[in-house]
Amino acid sequence: METHFSSFSTCRAYLRALSETPSRISRRAFSVSTSFQGNSRVRARSGPNMKRSLRWYDLIGFGVGGMVGAGVFVTTGRASRVYAGPSVIVSYAIAGLCALLSSFCYTEFAVDMPVAGGAFSYIRATFGEFLAFLTGANLIIDYVLSNAAVARSFTAYLSTAFGLFSHSQLRFTINGLPKGYNEMDVIAVAVVLLLTLVICYSTRESSWLNMVLTALHLLFIAFVIVVGFLRGEWKNFTEPGDQKNAGGFFPFGVTGMFNGAAMVYLSYIGYDAVSTMAEEVKNPAKDIPIGVSGSVILVSFLYCLMAASLSSLLPYDMIDPEAPFSGAFKDGGSSWRWVSNVIGVGASFGILTSLLVAMLGQARYMCVIGRSCIAPSWFAQIHPGTSTPVNASAFLGLGVQNVQSSQD
């Protein structure tokens, strides 16, 4: 273990470690750690323990905040227009069931191994360090690139909230760079830095901020659903706008419904980040199953209502696949166009919560990758201000308890 930690201490040590790469790979690539090691020896490399300050309602808040982002405001339109028609409601239910079954897997692992790291820790304990390294590298790249894209989309929805015609009005153009790469999004950078400061301050305070933003976002979603049903017509569930197109609740058949489910499943991505915070949960055996599974069930219910609201507003062949909700209200005349501004505000809150949860998960992935000595060990260090003292007996007791429960 000391050899792994000293690999990044100096340039000479790093070069020596590189020369030992073949032997290290052959020794470690397919080595599998047990849940006992993950709960005790490996976690002890971070020094102090993470504070166990989260309960099931915090996890539900993180799960809902991570999933209900801007994606549902886009995927619903394309899935309805191109694939499923009004049966997109059933598509969301099918995708929600699949997400729930997947969340059960995360829940079982997180209860048995209540440590940071999520999928990286689980794969390391089942398939070995090589596949865990590939998984961790892909997850980090995914978080970095997707967070950058989501942060830029915050500016786009913010411009919609203020009634601006183009989000470029909130960005600075840099001369001399190719088109598409010449716009500096200062607002996106500021949002990422602000959320980073909140996350570094405390997980508890991050949960409170997430709760507030998620509550506001859910209010906007409830508003869109209610207004959509009040303005919508039941005939839109079965009659197309153009009589030449297929009608009925399943205009593209059962195949189209399942194709729509495959597409809208993207809107459920985010619940996996909740499992990365298992190490900070007070009662993992109780709080994690309720938090992860409960958030997926709640989000599935909201998505089905949103899909039903959109289907009642317009026939499926008249829905804008790029901006379905705002486009539906704009088509209703000037008296309803203000609702599109409200949608922009609600989507902005959703983007903030999605970013917050993703950045929390990213930090915990980096921590557990540092613990495994695949990255420099200082990634695994926990600040004393956000930790509790090390209790070796608690580590050992938790590990023995998990080993016994797995044997039972």
Protein backbone atom coordinates (compact mmCIF):
# COMPACT_ATOMS: atom_id res chain seq x y z
CA MET A 1 0.00 0.00 0.00
CA GLU A 2 2.85 2.38 0.83
CA THR A 3 4.36 1.72 -2.61
CA HIS A 4 1.14 2.78 -4.32
CA PHE A 5 0.88 5.94 -2.25
CA SER A 6 4.50 6.94 -2.98
CA SER A 7 4.08 6.52 -6.74
CA PHE A 8 2.98 10.14 -7.17
CA SER A 9 5.25 11.67 -4.50
CA THR A 10 8.12 12.69 -6.83
CA CYS A 11 8.95 12.59 -10.52
CA ARG A 12 11.54 9.85 -9.91
CA ALA A 13 9.01 7.77 -7.98
CA TYR A 14 6.48 8.24 -10.76
CA LEU A 15 8.96 7.16 -13.45
CA ARG A 16 9.90 4.11 -11.38
CA ALA A 17 6.22 3.28 -11.01
CA LEU A 18 5.79 3.56 -14.79
CA SER A 19 8.60 1.05 -15.33
CA GLU A 20 6.72 -1.35 -13.04
CA THR A 21 3.47 -0.93 -14.95
CA PRO A 22 3.44 -4.39 -16.63
CA SER A 23 3.97 -6.24 -13.36
CA ARG A 24 1.45 -4.06 -11.55
CA ILE A 25 -1.16 -4.60 -14.21
CA SER A 26 -0.70 -8.37 -14.13
CA ARG A 27 -0.94 -8.32 -10.34
CA ARG A 28 -3.82 -5.88 -9.87
CA ALA A 29 -5.91 -5.96 -13.07
CA PHE A 30 -8.15 -8.81 -12.01
CA SER A 31 -7.68 -8.61 -8.24
CA VAL A 32 -11.05 -8.38 -6.50
CA SER A 33 -11.62 -6.56 -3.21
CA THR A 34 -14.21 -7.75 -0.70
CA SER A 35 -16.95 -5.64 0.84
CA PHE A 36 -15.01 -5.91 4.11
CA GLN A 37 -11.96 -4.30 2.49
CA GLY A 38 -14.11 -1.59 0.92
CA ASN A 39 -15.72 -0.79 4.25
CA SER A 40 -12.54 -0.84 6.33
CA ARG A 41 -8.97 -0.88 4.98
CA VAL A 42 -9.58 0.93 1.68
CA ARG A 43 -11.84 3.56 3.21
CA ALA A 44 -9.31 4.20 6.01
CA ARG A 45 -6.89 5.62 3.40
CA SER A 46 -8.94 8.82 3.41
CA GLY A 47 -8.13 9.44 7.07
CA PRO A 48 -11.20 10.89 8.83
CA ASN A 49 -14.63 9.45 8.11
CA MET A 50 -17.22 11.33 6.12
CA LYS A 51 -19.99 12.76 8.29
CA ARG A 52 -23.11 10.60 8.27
CA SER A 53 -25.61 13.45 8.01
CA LEU A 54 -28.04 12.31 5.29
CA ARG A 55 -31.42 10.65 5.75
CA TRP A 56 -33.85 9.03 3.31
CA TYR A 57 -35.60 12.32 2.51
CA ASP A 58 -32.23 13.87 1.58
CA LEU A 59 -31.60 10.99 -0.83
CA ILE A 60 -35.07 11.38 -2.36
CA GLY A 61 -34.31 15.07 -2.84
CA PHE A 62 -30.97 14.29 -4.49
CA GLY A 63 -32.57 11.60 -6.67
CA VAL A 64 -35.42 13.82 -7.85
CA GLY A 65 -33.09 16.78 -8.34
CA GLY A 66 -30.64 14.69 -10.32
CA MET A 67 -33.27 13.17 -12.62
CA VAL A 68 -35.80 15.94 -13.19
CA GLY A 69 -33.56 18.21 -15.21
CA ALA A 70 -34.05 19.80 -18.59
CA GLY A 71 -34.06 16.44 -20.40
CA VAL A 72 -37.77 15.77 -19.94
CA PHE A 73 -38.57 19.10 -21.63
CA VAL A 74 -36.86 17.83 -24.80
CA THR A 75 -37.11 14.02 -24.95
CA THR A 76 -40.90 14.04 -24.48
CA GLY A 77 -41.46 15.95 -27.69
CA ARG A 78 -39.26 13.84 -29.93
CA ALA A 79 -40.47 10.56 -28.43
CA SER A 80 -44.09 11.57 -28.97
CA ARG A 81 -43.68 13.08 -32.45
CA VAL A 82 -41.38 10.45 -33.98
CA TYR A 83 -41.82 7.20 -32.03
CA ALA A 84 -44.81 6.74 -29.74
CA GLY A 85 -47.47 9.40 -30.20
CA PRO A 86 -49.84 9.72 -27.21
CA SER A 87 -48.63 6.32 -25.96
CA VAL A 88 -45.49 8.15 -24.80
CA ILE A 89 -47.29 8.08 -21.43
CA VAL A 90 -46.90 4.29 -21.37
CA SER A 91 -43.33 4.70 -22.66
CA TYR A 92 -42.46 6.72 -19.58
CA ALA A 93 -44.08 4.09 -17.35
CA ILE A 94 -42.03 1.30 -18.99
CA ALA A 95 -38.81 3.31 -18.76
CA GLY A 96 -39.60 4.09 -15.12
CA LEU A 97 -40.06 0.39 -14.36
CA CYS A 98 -36.69 -0.41 -15.98
CA ALA A 99 -35.04 2.40 -14.00
CA LEU A 100 -36.64 1.06 -10.80
CA LEU A 101 -35.28 -2.44 -11.44
CA SER A 102 -31.84 -0.98 -12.08
CA SER A 103 -32.08 1.09 -8.89
CA PHE A 104 -32.68 -2.14 -6.94
CA CYS A 105 -29.24 -3.31 -8.06
CA TYR A 106 -27.62 -0.07 -6.91
CA THR A 107 -29.54 -0.30 -3.63
CA GLU A 108 -28.38 -3.85 -2.88
CA PHE A 109 -24.75 -2.97 -3.50
CA ALA A 110 -24.97 0.31 -1.56
CA VAL A 111 -26.47 -1.42 1.49
CA ASP A 112 -23.81 -4.15 1.45
CA MET A 113 -21.01 -1.63 0.74
CA PRO A 114 -22.06 1.75 2.18
CA VAL A 115 -19.01 3.57 0.81
CA ALA A 116 -18.47 6.34 -1.72
CA GLY A 117 -17.82 5.45 -5.32
CA GLY A 118 -21.03 3.91 -6.61
CA ALA A 119 -20.49 1.79 -9.72
CA PHE A 120 -16.69 2.01 -9.45
CA SER A 121 -16.67 0.40 -5.99
CA TYR A 122 -19.21 -2.26 -7.00
CA ILE A 123 -17.33 -3.32 -10.13
CA ARG A 124 -14.03 -3.32 -8.24
CA ALA A 125 -15.51 -5.77 -5.75
CA THR A 126 -17.01 -8.05 -8.39
CA PHE A 127 -14.91 -7.92 -11.59
CA GLY A 128 -11.57 -6.50 -10.48
CA GLU A 129 -9.59 -3.28 -10.72
CA PHE A 130 -9.06 -3.22 -14.49
CA LEU A 131 -12.77 -3.05 -15.35
CA ALA A 132 -13.27 -0.72 -12.39
CA PHE A 133 -10.61 1.59 -13.84
CA LEU A 134 -12.34 1.65 -17.24
CA THR A 135 -15.67 2.33 -15.54
CA GLY A 136 -14.24 5.09 -13.38
CA ALA A 137 -12.49 6.76 -16.32
CA ASN A 138 -15.67 6.73 -18.40
CA LEU A 139 -17.74 8.05 -15.51
CA ILE A 140 -15.36 10.95 -14.87
CA ILE A 141 -15.30 11.87 -18.58
CA ASP A 142 -19.09 11.61 -18.66
CA TYR A 143 -19.49 13.90 -15.64
CA VAL A 144 -17.02 16.50 -16.90
CA LEU A 145 -18.42 16.74 -20.44
CA SER A 146 -22.09 16.42 -19.51
CA ASN A 147 -21.80 18.99 -16.70
CA ALA A 148 -20.22 21.46 -19.13
CA ALA A 149 -23.03 20.90 -21.65
CA VAL A 150 -25.75 21.13 -19.01
CA ALA A 151 -24.24 24.32 -17.60
CA ARG A 152 -24.33 25.91 -21.06
CA SER A 153 -27.95 24.85 -21.49
CA PHE A 154 -28.72 26.77 -18.28
CA THR A 155 -27.96 29.96 -20.20
CA ALA A 156 -30.30 28.89 -23.01
CA TYR A 157 -33.23 28.30 -20.65
CA LEU A 158 -32.43 31.46 -18.73
CA SER A 159 -32.72 33.44 -21.95
CA THR A 160 -36.13 31.82 -22.51
CA ALA A 161 -37.18 32.86 -19.01
CA PHE A 162 -36.28 36.48 -19.77
CA GLY A 163 -37.99 36.35 -23.16
CA LEU A 164 -34.79 36.77 -25.18
CA PHE A 165 -34.78 35.55 -28.78
CA SER A 166 -31.33 33.96 -28.59
CA HIS A 167 -29.14 32.67 -25.78
CA SER A 168 -26.19 34.21 -27.62
CA GLN A 169 -27.27 37.53 -26.13
CA LEU A 170 -26.01 36.26 -22.75
CA ARG A 171 -22.65 35.06 -24.11
CA PHE A 172 -19.49 36.87 -25.21
CA THR A 173 -18.14 36.31 -28.72
CA ILE A 174 -14.39 35.85 -29.09
CA ASN A 175 -12.99 36.87 -32.46
CA GLY A 176 -10.56 34.62 -34.30
CA LEU A 177 -12.02 31.29 -33.18
CA PRO A 178 -14.09 28.91 -35.34
CA LYS A 179 -17.83 29.34 -35.23
CA GLY A 180 -19.37 27.19 -32.53
CA TYR A 181 -16.26 27.53 -30.35
CA ASN A 182 -16.12 31.31 -30.17
CA GLU A 183 -18.74 31.99 -27.48
CA MET A 184 -17.67 32.37 -23.86
CA ASP A 185 -20.50 31.41 -21.52
CA VAL A 186 -19.61 33.38 -18.40
CA ILE A 187 -22.92 32.52 -16.72
CA ALA A 188 -22.26 28.78 -17.06
CA VAL A 189 -18.77 29.19 -15.58
CA ALA A 190 -20.17 31.23 -12.68
CA VAL A 191 -22.86 28.64 -11.97
CA VAL A 192 -20.32 25.78 -11.86
CA LEU A 193 -17.99 27.75 -9.55
CA LEU A 194 -20.85 28.74 -7.23
CA LEU A 195 -22.13 25.18 -6.92
CA THR A 196 -18.56 23.97 -6.34
CA LEU A 197 -18.22 26.34 -3.38
CA VAL A 198 -21.51 25.10 -1.91
CA ILE A 199 -20.46 21.44 -2.30
CA CYS A 200 -17.04 22.09 -0.72
CA TYR A 201 -18.65 23.82 2.25
CA SER A 202 -20.86 20.94 3.40
CA THR A 203 -22.93 18.03 2.11
CA ARG A 204 -25.64 18.93 4.62
CA GLU A 205 -25.94 22.48 3.27
CA SER A 206 -25.79 21.12 -0.28
CA SER A 207 -28.79 18.95 0.56
CA TRP A 208 -30.71 21.93 1.89
CA LEU A 209 -29.97 23.95 -1.26
CA ASN A 210 -30.99 20.98 -3.40
CA MET A 211 -34.25 20.65 -1.43
CA VAL A 212 -35.13 24.31 -2.01
CA LEU A 213 -34.30 24.27 -5.72
CA THR A 214 -36.04 20.93 -6.25
CA ALA A 215 -39.18 22.16 -4.46
CA LEU A 216 -39.28 25.26 -6.68
CA HIS A 217 -38.72 23.13 -9.77
CA LEU A 218 -41.55 20.77 -8.79
CA LEU A 219 -43.87 23.73 -8.32
CA PHE A 220 -43.16 24.85 -11.88
CA ILE A 221 -43.69 21.31 -13.16
CA ALA A 222 -47.01 21.06 -11.29
CA PHE A 223 -48.00 24.41 -12.80
CA VAL A 224 -47.21 23.20 -16.33
CA ILE A 225 -49.16 19.97 -15.75
CA VAL A 226 -52.24 21.72 -14.37
CA VAL A 227 -52.30 24.44 -17.05
CA GLY A 228 -51.74 21.81 -19.73
CA PHE A 229 -54.75 19.76 -18.62
CA LEU A 230 -56.93 22.87 -18.26
CA ARG A 231 -56.09 24.05 -21.77
CA GLY A 232 -55.87 20.60 -23.40
CA GLU A 233 -58.53 18.52 -25.13
CA TRP A 234 -59.19 14.80 -24.74
CA LYS A 235 -59.57 14.32 -28.48
CA ASN A 236 -55.85 15.01 -28.93
CA PHE A 237 -55.11 11.61 -27.36
CA THR A 238 -56.60 9.81 -30.36
CA GLU A 239 -56.96 12.28 -33.27
CA PRO A 240 -53.93 13.53 -35.27
CA GLY A 241 -53.71 17.09 -36.52
CA ASP A 242 -53.31 15.89 -40.10
CA GLN A 243 -55.91 13.26 -41.02
CA LYS A 244 -53.40 11.66 -43.40
CA ASN A 245 -51.38 10.49 -40.40
CA ALA A 246 -52.22 7.46 -38.30
CA GLY A 247 -54.59 8.03 -35.41
CA GLY A 248 -55.42 6.31 -32.16
CA PHE A 249 -53.56 6.10 -28.87
CA PHE A 250 -50.89 3.86 -30.47
CA PRO A 251 -50.31 5.50 -33.89
CA PHE A 252 -46.91 3.79 -34.27
CA GLY A 253 -48.01 0.50 -32.72
CA VAL A 254 -46.51 -1.33 -29.78
CA THR A 255 -43.06 -1.16 -31.40
CA GLY A 256 -43.20 2.63 -31.42
CA MET A 257 -44.19 2.63 -27.76
CA PHE A 258 -41.12 0.59 -26.80
CA ASN A 259 -38.89 2.72 -29.05
CA GLY A 260 -40.20 5.75 -27.21
CA ALA A 261 -39.42 4.06 -23.88
CA ALA A 262 -35.82 3.50 -24.98
CA MET A 263 -35.49 7.19 -25.79
CA VAL A 264 -37.16 8.69 -22.71
CA TYR A 265 -35.06 6.45 -20.44
CA LEU A 266 -32.42 9.16 -20.78
CA SER A 267 -34.62 11.37 -18.61
CA TYR A 268 -34.12 8.96 -15.68
CA ILE A 269 -30.34 9.21 -15.64
CA GLY A 270 -29.21 10.66 -12.31
CA TYR A 271 -30.47 8.24 -9.66
CA ASP A 272 -27.14 6.39 -9.82
CA ALA A 273 -25.37 9.45 -8.39
CA VAL A 274 -27.34 8.99 -5.16
CA SER A 275 -25.60 5.68 -4.45
CA THR A 276 -22.23 7.47 -4.41
CA MET A 277 -23.29 9.19 -1.16
CA ALA A 278 -23.91 5.93 0.71
CA GLU A 279 -20.97 6.62 3.01
CA GLU A 280 -22.71 9.75 4.34
CA VAL A 281 -26.07 8.13 5.12
CA LYS A 282 -26.98 7.67 8.79
CA ASN A 283 -28.80 4.36 8.37
CA PRO A 284 -27.79 2.79 5.03
CA ALA A 285 -29.94 -0.34 5.40
CA LYS A 286 -33.11 1.74 5.72
CA ASP A 287 -32.41 5.11 4.10
CA ILE A 288 -30.76 3.97 0.85
CA PRO A 289 -33.59 1.69 -0.41
CA ILE A 290 -36.22 4.31 0.43
CA GLY A 291 -34.20 7.18 -1.02
CA VAL A 292 -33.09 5.62 -4.31
CA SER A 293 -36.22 3.61 -5.15
CA GLY A 294 -38.58 6.27 -3.82
CA SER A 295 -37.05 8.98 -6.01
CA VAL A 296 -37.42 6.79 -9.13
CA ILE A 297 -41.09 6.07 -8.34
CA LEU A 298 -41.88 9.74 -7.70
CA VAL A 299 -40.13 10.89 -10.88
CA SER A 300 -41.92 8.21 -12.96
CA PHE A 301 -45.27 9.51 -11.73
CA LEU A 302 -44.33 13.11 -12.59
CA TYR A 303 -43.05 12.17 -16.05
CA CYS A 304 -46.24 10.29 -16.92
CA LEU A 305 -48.30 13.32 -15.89
CA MET A 306 -46.11 15.65 -17.96
CA ALA A 307 -46.41 13.37 -21.00
CA ALA A 308 -50.19 13.22 -20.57
CA SER A 309 -50.37 17.00 -20.24
CA LEU A 310 -48.38 17.50 -23.46
CA SER A 311 -50.47 14.92 -25.34
CA SER A 312 -53.66 16.73 -24.35
CA LEU A 313 -52.33 20.10 -25.48
CA LEU A 314 -51.61 19.18 -29.11
CA PRO A 315 -52.03 16.24 -31.49
CA TYR A 316 -48.81 14.23 -31.57
CA ASP A 317 -48.00 15.26 -35.17
CA MET A 318 -48.09 18.96 -34.26
CA ILE A 319 -45.68 18.76 -31.29
CA ASP A 320 -42.34 20.54 -31.68
CA PRO A 321 -39.71 17.82 -31.09
CA GLU A 322 -37.09 20.35 -29.95
CA ALA A 323 -39.14 22.52 -27.55
CA PRO A 324 -42.42 20.64 -27.01
CA PHE A 325 -43.86 22.40 -23.95
CA SER A 326 -42.89 25.97 -24.74
CA GLY A 327 -43.90 25.42 -28.38
CA ALA A 328 -47.30 24.05 -27.35
CA PHE A 329 -48.13 27.14 -25.35
CA LYS A 330 -46.80 29.51 -28.00
CA ASP A 331 -49.19 27.94 -30.50
CA GLY A 332 -52.05 28.82 -28.19
CA GLY A 333 -51.84 32.53 -28.94
CA SER A 334 -50.32 35.52 -27.18
CA SER A 335 -52.45 34.96 -24.06
CA TRP A 336 -50.53 31.72 -23.36
CA ARG A 337 -47.02 32.66 -24.50
CA TRP A 338 -46.06 33.85 -21.03
CA VAL A 339 -46.21 30.21 -19.93
CA SER A 340 -43.15 29.45 -22.09
CA ASN A 341 -41.22 31.97 -19.97
CA VAL A 342 -42.38 30.13 -16.85
CA ILE A 343 -41.14 26.86 -18.39
CA GLY A 344 -37.74 28.47 -18.92
CA VAL A 345 -37.58 29.43 -15.23
CA GLY A 346 -38.60 25.93 -14.11
CA ALA A 347 -36.09 24.24 -16.43
CA SER A 348 -33.36 26.54 -15.09
CA PHE A 349 -34.01 25.31 -11.55
CA GLY A 350 -33.96 21.74 -12.83
CA ILE A 351 -30.58 22.28 -14.46
CA LEU A 352 -29.14 23.67 -11.22
CA THR A 353 -30.25 20.63 -9.19
CA SER A 354 -29.05 18.26 -11.90
CA LEU A 355 -25.63 19.95 -11.87
CA LEU A 356 -25.46 19.92 -8.08
CA VAL A 357 -26.16 16.19 -7.78
CA ALA A 358 -23.81 15.30 -10.67
CA MET A 359 -20.96 17.33 -9.16
CA LEU A 360 -21.50 15.67 -5.77
CA GLY A 361 -21.26 12.26 -7.44
CA GLN A 362 -18.18 13.27 -9.43
CA ALA A 363 -16.31 14.32 -6.26
CA ARG A 364 -17.06 11.00 -4.59
CA TYR A 365 -15.93 9.03 -7.60
CA MET A 366 -12.62 10.87 -7.53
CA CYS A 367 -12.31 10.16 -3.79
CA VAL A 368 -12.74 6.40 -4.13
CA ILE A 369 -10.48 6.27 -7.22
CA GLY A 370 -7.80 7.95 -5.09
CA ARG A 371 -8.38 5.39 -2.34
CA SER A 372 -7.72 2.56 -4.76
CA CYS A 373 -4.37 4.21 -5.70
CA ILE A 374 -5.32 4.41 -9.38
CA ALA A 375 -5.12 8.22 -9.08
CA PRO A 376 -2.96 10.33 -6.73
CA SER A 377 -3.87 9.64 -3.11
CA TRP A 378 -4.61 13.30 -2.33
CA PHE A 379 -7.87 12.87 -4.25
CA ALA A 380 -8.96 10.61 -1.39
CA GLN A 381 -8.21 13.04 1.43
CA ILE A 382 -11.19 14.30 3.43
CA HIS A 383 -11.11 17.76 5.00
CA PRO A 384 -11.31 17.64 8.82
CA GLY A 385 -14.06 20.28 8.78
CA THR A 386 -16.42 17.96 6.87
CA SER A 387 -15.50 14.71 8.62
CA THR A 388 -15.67 12.76 11.87
CA PRO A 389 -12.73 11.13 13.70
CA VAL A 390 -11.61 7.69 12.56
CA ASN A 391 -13.09 4.83 14.55
CA ALA A 392 -11.24 1.64 13.66
CA SER A 393 -13.58 -0.59 15.64
CA ALA A 394 -16.55 0.85 13.78
CA PHE A 395 -14.83 0.07 10.48
CA LEU A 396 -14.20 -3.52 11.50
CA GLY A 397 -17.65 -3.98 12.99
CA LEU A 398 -19.35 -2.63 9.87
CA GLY A 399 -17.22 -4.86 7.66
CA VAL A 400 -17.89 -8.01 9.72
CA GLN A 401 -21.59 -7.23 9.80
CA ASN A 402 -21.71 -6.89 5.99
CA VAL A 403 -19.72 -10.10 5.49
CA GLN A 404 -22.06 -12.00 7.79
CA SER A 405 -25.15 -10.57 6.07
CA SER A 406 -23.79 -11.57 2.64
CA GLN A 407 -23.16 -15.10 3.90
CA ASP A 408 -26.68 -15.32 5.30
